[in-house]
Amino acid sequence: MYARITAAMTVEEVAVAWLAFLRANGRLEDTTINEYERVLRKSVLPELGTAPIDELSTDHINAVLKSLSTQSVNRQRKARVVTGAMLDVAVACGALASNPVRGSIGVS
């Protein structure tokens, strides 16, 4: 099971717990997990890392994704997928009622 994830944790703290779980679980290739970590480190954490997950909103996610789309549509897409998967874990742990990434814009 996942490490204890709470609503007061920051995006960065959730990312660390999620990546540790993925590595311990052994169901994904190391290269896949390393790519998730790279996407988080380069695209997501600089914008959202210090935000408590319970303060994230779809509008906040949309603003970050819009900013990323000006750099690269591929970067935006990867950030959306990885962040969404990570926050799905927060929902599964009961830390969030819903995933704010799920209502966000797609590639525009």
N, C-alpha and C. Protein backbone atom coordinates (compact mmCIF):
# COMPACT_ATOMS: atom_id res chain seq x y z
N MET A 1 0.84 -1.19 0.00
CA MET A 1 0.00 0.00 0.00
C MET A 1 0.88 1.24 0.00
N TYR A 2 0.28 2.33 -0.34
CA TYR A 2 0.99 3.60 -0.40
C TYR A 2 1.36 4.09 0.99
N ALA A 3 2.42 4.89 1.03
CA ALA A 3 2.75 5.58 2.27
C ALA A 3 1.55 6.46 2.65
N ARG A 4 1.43 6.78 3.89
CA ARG A 4 0.32 7.62 4.36
C ARG A 4 0.40 8.99 3.68
N ILE A 5 -0.61 9.29 2.92
CA ILE A 5 -0.70 10.59 2.23
C ILE A 5 -1.87 11.34 2.86
N THR A 6 -1.59 12.58 3.28
CA THR A 6 -2.61 13.39 3.92
C THR A 6 -2.86 14.66 3.11
N ALA A 7 -3.98 15.29 3.36
CA ALA A 7 -4.37 16.50 2.64
C ALA A 7 -3.41 17.65 2.87
N ALA A 8 -2.72 17.67 3.99
CA ALA A 8 -1.81 18.76 4.31
C ALA A 8 -0.44 18.62 3.66
N MET A 9 -0.19 17.46 3.06
CA MET A 9 1.11 17.25 2.41
C MET A 9 1.23 18.13 1.17
N THR A 10 2.45 18.53 0.89
CA THR A 10 2.69 19.31 -0.33
C THR A 10 2.76 18.37 -1.53
N VAL A 11 2.67 18.95 -2.70
CA VAL A 11 2.79 18.17 -3.93
C VAL A 11 4.15 17.45 -3.94
N GLU A 12 5.19 18.13 -3.51
CA GLU A 12 6.51 17.51 -3.48
C GLU A 12 6.55 16.31 -2.53
N GLU A 13 5.95 16.44 -1.36
CA GLU A 13 5.93 15.32 -0.41
C GLU A 13 5.15 14.13 -0.97
N VAL A 14 4.05 14.41 -1.64
CA VAL A 14 3.28 13.33 -2.26
C VAL A 14 4.09 12.68 -3.38
N ALA A 15 4.79 13.49 -4.16
CA ALA A 15 5.62 12.96 -5.25
C ALA A 15 6.68 12.01 -4.70
N VAL A 16 7.34 12.39 -3.62
CA VAL A 16 8.37 11.54 -3.02
C VAL A 16 7.76 10.21 -2.57
N ALA A 17 6.62 10.27 -1.89
CA ALA A 17 5.95 9.05 -1.41
C ALA A 17 5.50 8.18 -2.57
N TRP A 18 4.94 8.79 -3.61
CA TRP A 18 4.44 8.05 -4.77
C TRP A 18 5.57 7.36 -5.51
N LEU A 19 6.65 8.09 -5.76
CA LEU A 19 7.79 7.50 -6.47
C LEU A 19 8.42 6.37 -5.66
N ALA A 20 8.51 6.53 -4.34
CA ALA A 20 9.05 5.47 -3.48
C ALA A 20 8.17 4.22 -3.56
N PHE A 21 6.86 4.43 -3.55
CA PHE A 21 5.95 3.29 -3.67
C PHE A 21 6.14 2.59 -5.01
N LEU A 22 6.20 3.36 -6.09
CA LEU A 22 6.37 2.75 -7.41
C LEU A 22 7.66 1.93 -7.49
N ARG A 23 8.73 2.45 -6.91
CA ARG A 23 10.00 1.73 -6.92
C ARG A 23 9.91 0.45 -6.08
N ALA A 24 9.28 0.53 -4.93
CA ALA A 24 9.17 -0.64 -4.04
C ALA A 24 8.22 -1.69 -4.61
N ASN A 25 7.21 -1.24 -5.33
CA ASN A 25 6.19 -2.13 -5.87
C ASN A 25 6.76 -3.06 -6.93
N GLY A 26 7.67 -2.56 -7.75
CA GLY A 26 8.31 -3.39 -8.76
C GLY A 26 7.49 -3.72 -9.99
N ARG A 27 6.35 -3.09 -10.16
CA ARG A 27 5.49 -3.40 -11.31
C ARG A 27 5.85 -2.60 -12.56
N LEU A 28 6.58 -1.50 -12.38
CA LEU A 28 6.99 -0.67 -13.51
C LEU A 28 8.50 -0.75 -13.69
N GLU A 29 8.92 -0.56 -14.93
CA GLU A 29 10.35 -0.53 -15.23
C GLU A 29 10.98 0.70 -14.58
N ASP A 30 12.23 0.57 -14.19
CA ASP A 30 12.96 1.70 -13.61
C ASP A 30 12.98 2.90 -14.56
N THR A 31 13.09 2.63 -15.86
CA THR A 31 13.13 3.73 -16.83
C THR A 31 11.82 4.52 -16.83
N THR A 32 10.72 3.84 -16.63
CA THR A 32 9.42 4.51 -16.58
C THR A 32 9.34 5.39 -15.33
N ILE A 33 9.72 4.85 -14.20
CA ILE A 33 9.68 5.62 -12.95
C ILE A 33 10.64 6.80 -13.03
N ASN A 34 11.81 6.58 -13.60
CA ASN A 34 12.76 7.68 -13.77
C ASN A 34 12.20 8.78 -14.65
N GLU A 35 11.44 8.42 -15.68
CA GLU A 35 10.81 9.43 -16.54
C GLU A 35 9.73 10.19 -15.76
N TYR A 36 8.94 9.49 -14.96
CA TYR A 36 7.95 10.17 -14.12
C TYR A 36 8.65 11.18 -13.20
N GLU A 37 9.74 10.74 -12.59
CA GLU A 37 10.48 11.63 -11.70
C GLU A 37 11.03 12.84 -12.45
N ARG A 38 11.54 12.63 -13.65
CA ARG A 38 12.07 13.72 -14.46
C ARG A 38 10.97 14.73 -14.79
N VAL A 39 9.81 14.24 -15.19
CA VAL A 39 8.68 15.12 -15.51
C VAL A 39 8.28 15.92 -14.29
N LEU A 40 8.19 15.26 -13.15
CA LEU A 40 7.83 15.97 -11.92
C LEU A 40 8.86 17.04 -11.59
N ARG A 41 10.13 16.67 -11.62
CA ARG A 41 11.20 17.58 -11.25
C ARG A 41 11.31 18.78 -12.19
N LYS A 42 11.15 18.55 -13.49
CA LYS A 42 11.34 19.62 -14.48
C LYS A 42 10.09 20.46 -14.73
N SER A 43 8.92 19.85 -14.66
CA SER A 43 7.71 20.55 -15.08
C SER A 43 6.70 20.83 -13.99
N VAL A 44 6.55 19.92 -13.05
CA VAL A 44 5.48 20.03 -12.06
C VAL A 44 5.93 20.68 -10.76
N LEU A 45 6.99 20.17 -10.18
CA LEU A 45 7.41 20.65 -8.87
C LEU A 45 7.84 22.12 -8.85
N PRO A 46 8.47 22.64 -9.91
CA PRO A 46 8.79 24.07 -9.86
C PRO A 46 7.55 24.97 -9.72
N GLU A 47 6.44 24.53 -10.24
CA GLU A 47 5.19 25.30 -10.19
C GLU A 47 4.31 24.95 -9.01
N LEU A 48 4.27 23.68 -8.65
CA LEU A 48 3.30 23.21 -7.65
C LEU A 48 3.91 22.59 -6.41
N GLY A 49 5.21 22.40 -6.38
CA GLY A 49 5.86 21.62 -5.33
C GLY A 49 5.54 22.02 -3.91
N THR A 50 5.43 23.31 -3.63
CA THR A 50 5.20 23.75 -2.25
C THR A 50 3.72 23.86 -1.89
N ALA A 51 2.85 23.63 -2.85
CA ALA A 51 1.41 23.76 -2.59
C ALA A 51 0.88 22.53 -1.85
N PRO A 52 0.13 22.75 -0.77
CA PRO A 52 -0.55 21.61 -0.13
C PRO A 52 -1.57 21.03 -1.12
N ILE A 53 -1.65 19.73 -1.18
CA ILE A 53 -2.52 19.12 -2.19
C ILE A 53 -3.98 19.50 -1.98
N ASP A 54 -4.39 19.76 -0.74
CA ASP A 54 -5.79 20.12 -0.51
C ASP A 54 -6.11 21.54 -0.96
N GLU A 55 -5.10 22.30 -1.38
CA GLU A 55 -5.33 23.65 -1.90
C GLU A 55 -5.29 23.70 -3.43
N LEU A 56 -5.00 22.57 -4.06
CA LEU A 56 -4.96 22.53 -5.52
C LEU A 56 -6.38 22.61 -6.07
N SER A 57 -6.51 23.34 -7.16
CA SER A 57 -7.80 23.42 -7.84
C SER A 57 -7.57 23.14 -9.32
N THR A 58 -8.65 22.84 -10.00
CA THR A 58 -8.56 22.63 -11.44
C THR A 58 -8.05 23.90 -12.13
N ASP A 59 -8.48 25.06 -11.66
CA ASP A 59 -7.98 26.32 -12.24
C ASP A 59 -6.47 26.45 -12.09
N HIS A 60 -5.96 26.08 -10.92
CA HIS A 60 -4.52 26.14 -10.67
C HIS A 60 -3.79 25.19 -11.63
N ILE A 61 -4.30 23.97 -11.77
CA ILE A 61 -3.71 22.98 -12.69
C ILE A 61 -3.76 23.51 -14.12
N ASN A 62 -4.89 24.08 -14.51
CA ASN A 62 -5.02 24.62 -15.87
C ASN A 62 -3.99 25.71 -16.15
N ALA A 63 -3.73 26.57 -15.17
CA ALA A 63 -2.75 27.64 -15.37
C ALA A 63 -1.36 27.06 -15.60
N VAL A 64 -1.01 26.04 -14.83
CA VAL A 64 0.30 25.41 -15.00
C VAL A 64 0.38 24.72 -16.36
N LEU A 65 -0.67 24.00 -16.74
CA LEU A 65 -0.67 23.31 -18.03
C LEU A 65 -0.61 24.29 -19.19
N LYS A 66 -1.30 25.40 -19.06
CA LYS A 66 -1.25 26.42 -20.12
C LYS A 66 0.17 26.95 -20.27
N SER A 67 0.81 27.22 -19.16
CA SER A 67 2.19 27.69 -19.18
C SER A 67 3.11 26.66 -19.84
N LEU A 68 2.93 25.40 -19.50
CA LEU A 68 3.75 24.35 -20.08
C LEU A 68 3.51 24.19 -21.57
N SER A 69 2.28 24.43 -22.01
CA SER A 69 1.97 24.26 -23.44
C SER A 69 2.71 25.27 -24.30
N THR A 70 3.10 26.41 -23.72
CA THR A 70 3.87 27.39 -24.49
C THR A 70 5.29 26.91 -24.71
N GLN A 71 5.75 26.00 -23.87
CA GLN A 71 7.09 25.42 -24.02
C GLN A 71 7.05 24.21 -24.95
N SER A 72 6.05 23.35 -24.73
CA SER A 72 5.96 22.12 -25.51
C SER A 72 4.64 21.43 -25.19
N VAL A 73 3.92 21.05 -26.22
CA VAL A 73 2.67 20.32 -26.01
C VAL A 73 2.97 18.96 -25.38
N ASN A 74 4.07 18.35 -25.77
CA ASN A 74 4.46 17.07 -25.20
C ASN A 74 4.75 17.21 -23.71
N ARG A 75 5.42 18.27 -23.33
CA ARG A 75 5.71 18.52 -21.91
C ARG A 75 4.41 18.70 -21.13
N GLN A 76 3.47 19.43 -21.71
CA GLN A 76 2.17 19.63 -21.06
C GLN A 76 1.46 18.29 -20.88
N ARG A 77 1.44 17.49 -21.92
CA ARG A 77 0.75 16.19 -21.88
C ARG A 77 1.36 15.29 -20.80
N LYS A 78 2.68 15.19 -20.78
CA LYS A 78 3.34 14.34 -19.79
C LYS A 78 3.07 14.83 -18.37
N ALA A 79 3.14 16.14 -18.17
CA ALA A 79 2.89 16.69 -16.84
C ALA A 79 1.47 16.38 -16.38
N ARG A 80 0.53 16.49 -17.27
CA ARG A 80 -0.87 16.21 -16.93
C ARG A 80 -1.06 14.74 -16.56
N VAL A 81 -0.49 13.84 -17.33
CA VAL A 81 -0.64 12.41 -17.08
C VAL A 81 0.02 12.02 -15.76
N VAL A 82 1.27 12.46 -15.55
CA VAL A 82 2.00 12.07 -14.35
C VAL A 82 1.35 12.68 -13.10
N THR A 83 1.00 13.96 -13.16
CA THR A 83 0.37 14.59 -12.00
C THR A 83 -0.98 13.96 -11.70
N GLY A 84 -1.73 13.65 -12.74
CA GLY A 84 -3.02 12.99 -12.54
C GLY A 84 -2.88 11.63 -11.87
N ALA A 85 -1.91 10.85 -12.33
CA ALA A 85 -1.69 9.53 -11.72
C ALA A 85 -1.26 9.66 -10.26
N MET A 86 -0.39 10.62 -10.00
CA MET A 86 0.07 10.83 -8.63
C MET A 86 -1.08 11.24 -7.72
N LEU A 87 -1.92 12.17 -8.18
CA LEU A 87 -3.02 12.63 -7.34
C LEU A 87 -4.16 11.61 -7.25
N ASP A 88 -4.23 10.68 -8.18
CA ASP A 88 -5.17 9.57 -8.04
C ASP A 88 -4.86 8.77 -6.76
N VAL A 89 -3.59 8.68 -6.44
CA VAL A 89 -3.18 7.99 -5.21
C VAL A 89 -3.67 8.76 -3.99
N ALA A 90 -3.59 10.09 -4.04
CA ALA A 90 -4.10 10.89 -2.92
C ALA A 90 -5.60 10.68 -2.74
N VAL A 91 -6.32 10.53 -3.82
CA VAL A 91 -7.76 10.24 -3.75
C VAL A 91 -7.96 8.85 -3.14
N ALA A 92 -7.19 7.87 -3.61
CA ALA A 92 -7.32 6.50 -3.10
C ALA A 92 -7.01 6.42 -1.61
N CYS A 93 -6.12 7.28 -1.14
CA CYS A 93 -5.76 7.31 0.29
C CYS A 93 -6.73 8.13 1.13
N GLY A 94 -7.69 8.80 0.48
CA GLY A 94 -8.66 9.61 1.21
C GLY A 94 -8.17 11.01 1.52
N ALA A 95 -7.02 11.41 0.99
CA ALA A 95 -6.49 12.74 1.23
C ALA A 95 -7.20 13.80 0.40
N LEU A 96 -7.73 13.41 -0.74
CA LEU A 96 -8.51 14.30 -1.60
C LEU A 96 -9.82 13.64 -1.95
N ALA A 97 -10.87 14.44 -2.05
CA ALA A 97 -12.17 13.90 -2.46
C ALA A 97 -12.21 13.63 -3.95
N SER A 98 -11.50 14.47 -4.72
CA SER A 98 -11.44 14.28 -6.16
C SER A 98 -10.09 14.77 -6.67
N ASN A 99 -9.75 14.36 -7.85
CA ASN A 99 -8.47 14.71 -8.45
C ASN A 99 -8.65 15.96 -9.32
N PRO A 100 -8.01 17.08 -8.96
CA PRO A 100 -8.19 18.32 -9.73
C PRO A 100 -7.62 18.25 -11.14
N VAL A 101 -6.77 17.29 -11.41
CA VAL A 101 -6.22 17.14 -12.76
C VAL A 101 -7.28 16.56 -13.69
N ARG A 102 -8.18 15.76 -13.17
CA ARG A 102 -9.17 15.09 -14.02
C ARG A 102 -10.13 16.06 -14.70
N GLY A 103 -10.33 17.22 -14.17
CA GLY A 103 -11.18 18.21 -14.80
C GLY A 103 -10.42 19.26 -15.58
N SER A 104 -9.10 19.09 -15.67
CA SER A 104 -8.27 20.10 -16.31
C SER A 104 -8.33 19.98 -17.83
N ILE A 105 -7.79 21.00 -18.45
CA ILE A 105 -7.75 21.03 -19.91
C ILE A 105 -6.85 19.93 -20.42
N GLY A 106 -7.13 19.49 -21.61
CA GLY A 106 -6.23 18.56 -22.27
C GLY A 106 -5.24 19.37 -23.08
N VAL A 107 -4.65 18.74 -24.01
CA VAL A 107 -3.72 19.44 -24.89
C VAL A 107 -4.53 20.41 -25.73
N SER A 108 -4.09 21.66 -25.72
CA SER A 108 -4.83 22.67 -26.47
C SER A 108 -4.03 23.20 -27.62
